[in-house]
C-alpha atoms as a PDB file:
ATOM      1  CA  MET A   1      45.974  40.961  59.863  1.00  0.00           C
ATOM      2  CA  SER A   2      47.477  38.037  61.771  1.00  0.00           C
ATOM      3  CA  THR A   3      46.022  34.533  61.660  1.00  0.00           C
ATOM      4  CA  GLN A   4      45.148  34.727  65.350  1.00  0.00           C
ATOM      5  CA  THR A   5      43.294  38.003  64.844  1.00  0.00           C
ATOM      6  CA  THR A   6      41.530  36.593  61.788  1.00  0.00           C
ATOM      7  CA  GLN A   7      40.364  33.528  63.732  1.00  0.00           C
ATOM      8  CA  ALA A   8      39.079  35.656  66.608  1.00  0.00           C
ATOM      9  CA  PHE A   9      37.351  37.869  64.032  1.00  0.00           C
ATOM     10  CA  ARG A  10      35.609  34.829  62.519  1.00  0.00           C
ATOM     11  CA  THR A  11      34.488  33.148  65.748  1.00  0.00           C
ATOM     12  CA  GLU A  12      32.522  36.095  67.088  1.00  0.00           C
ATOM     13  CA  ARG A  13      28.910  34.867  67.121  1.00  0.00           C
ATOM     14  CA  ARG A  14      26.486  37.694  67.639  1.00  0.00           C
ATOM     15  CA  ILE A  15      23.712  39.413  65.777  1.00  0.00           C
ATOM     16  CA  LEU A  16      24.473  42.677  64.007  1.00  0.00           C
ATOM     17  CA  ARG A  17      21.746  45.198  63.397  1.00  0.00           C
ATOM     18  CA  ARG A  18      21.587  47.153  60.140  1.00  0.00           C
ATOM     19  CA  PRO A  19      23.595  50.223  61.264  1.00  0.00           C
ATOM     20  CA  GLU A  20      26.486  47.944  62.281  1.00  0.00           C
ATOM     21  CA  VAL A  21      26.304  46.042  58.987  1.00  0.00           C
ATOM     22  CA  GLU A  22      26.310  49.337  57.093  1.00  0.00           C
ATOM     23  CA  ALA A  23      29.355  50.508  59.075  1.00  0.00           C
ATOM     24  CA  LYS A  24      31.258  47.253  58.487  1.00  0.00           C
ATOM     25  CA  THR A  25      30.507  46.999  54.766  1.00  0.00           C
ATOM     26  CA  GLY A  26      30.330  50.664  53.800  1.00  0.00           C
ATOM     27  CA  PHE A  27      27.028  49.973  52.040  1.00  0.00           C
ATOM     28  CA  LYS A  28      23.673  51.613  52.699  1.00  0.00           C
ATOM     29  CA  ARG A  29      20.385  49.801  53.314  1.00  0.00           C
ATOM     30  CA  ALA A  30      19.126  49.736  49.734  1.00  0.00           C
ATOM     31  CA  HIS A  31      22.369  48.296  48.361  1.00  0.00           C
ATOM     32  CA  ILE A  32      22.531  45.635  51.095  1.00  0.00           C
ATOM     33  CA  TYR A  33      18.969  44.525  50.320  1.00  0.00           C
ATOM     34  CA  ASN A  34      19.661  44.518  46.568  1.00  0.00           C
ATOM     35  CA  LEU A  35      22.715  42.298  47.142  1.00  0.00           C
ATOM     36  CA  MET A  36      20.643  39.982  49.373  1.00  0.00           C
ATOM     37  CA  LYS A  37      17.960  39.724  46.692  1.00  0.00           C
ATOM     38  CA  ALA A  38      20.630  38.810  44.123  1.00  0.00           C
ATOM     39  CA  GLY A  39      22.056  36.158  46.466  1.00  0.00           C
ATOM     40  CA  LYS A  40      25.339  38.051  46.839  1.00  0.00           C
ATOM     41  CA  PHE A  41      25.069  38.974  50.525  1.00  0.00           C
ATOM     42  CA  PRO A  42      24.190  36.983  53.664  1.00  0.00           C
ATOM     43  CA  LYS A  43      20.475  36.801  54.364  1.00  0.00           C
ATOM     44  CA  ALA A  44      19.056  38.733  57.287  1.00  0.00           C
ATOM     45  CA  LEU A  45      17.653  36.804  60.228  1.00  0.00           C
ATOM     46  CA  ARG A  46      14.134  37.672  61.370  1.00  0.00           C
ATOM     47  CA  LEU A  47      14.328  38.830  65.005  1.00  0.00           C
ATOM     48  CA  GLY A  48      10.780  40.045  65.387  1.00  0.00           C
ATOM     49  CA  VAL A  49       7.875  41.536  63.491  1.00  0.00           C
ATOM     50  CA  ARG A  50       9.863  44.608  62.417  1.00  0.00           C
ATOM     51  CA  ALA A  51      13.411  43.642  63.341  1.00  0.00           C
ATOM     52  CA  VAL A  52      16.156  41.840  61.443  1.00  0.00           C
ATOM     53  CA  GLY A  53      19.819  41.203  62.065  1.00  0.00           C
ATOM     54  CA  TRP A  54      22.770  39.450  60.489  1.00  0.00           C
ATOM     55  CA  ASP A  55      25.090  36.808  61.892  1.00  0.00           C
ATOM     56  CA  ALA A  56      28.368  38.630  62.579  1.00  0.00           C
ATOM     57  CA  ALA A  57      30.398  35.584  61.518  1.00  0.00           C
ATOM     58  CA  GLU A  58      28.627  35.453  58.139  1.00  0.00           C
ATOM     59  CA  ILE A  59      29.242  39.161  57.555  1.00  0.00           C
ATOM     60  CA  ASP A  60      32.903  38.824  58.529  1.00  0.00           C
ATOM     61  CA  GLN A  61      33.306  35.841  56.204  1.00  0.00           C
ATOM     62  CA  TRP A  62      31.614  37.737  53.355  1.00  0.00           C
ATOM     63  CA  ILE A  63      33.979  40.691  53.853  1.00  0.00           C
ATOM     64  CA  GLU A  64      37.015  38.403  53.978  1.00  0.00           C
ATOM     65  CA  GLU A  65      35.943  36.620  50.768  1.00  0.00           C
ATOM     66  CA  ARG A  66      35.604  39.945  48.966  1.00  0.00           C
ATOM     67  CA  LEU A  67      39.047  41.010  50.166  1.00  0.00           C
ATOM     68  CA  ASN A  68      40.548  37.699  49.012  1.00  0.00           C
ATOM     69  CA  ASP A  69      38.893  38.064  45.585  1.00  0.00           C
ATOM     70  CA  ARG A  70      40.724  41.370  45.100  1.00  0.00           C
ATOM     71  CA  THR A  71      44.169  39.805  45.525  1.00  0.00           C
END
């Protein structure tokens, strides 16, 4: 991935709902919440009484860090 693409990927500031987070990470709900509880995944943002979302930039950064750890 080019630096320009990586920067554009990082600067996207929007809220992702759980299905999008699952699609991006490849993890299901239970695993995402277990990682959050262990402090190993970005915390969800409360959007309403029964709605949460994640900052897209935080998720992208988390994914990039995991990819960098593998190299």
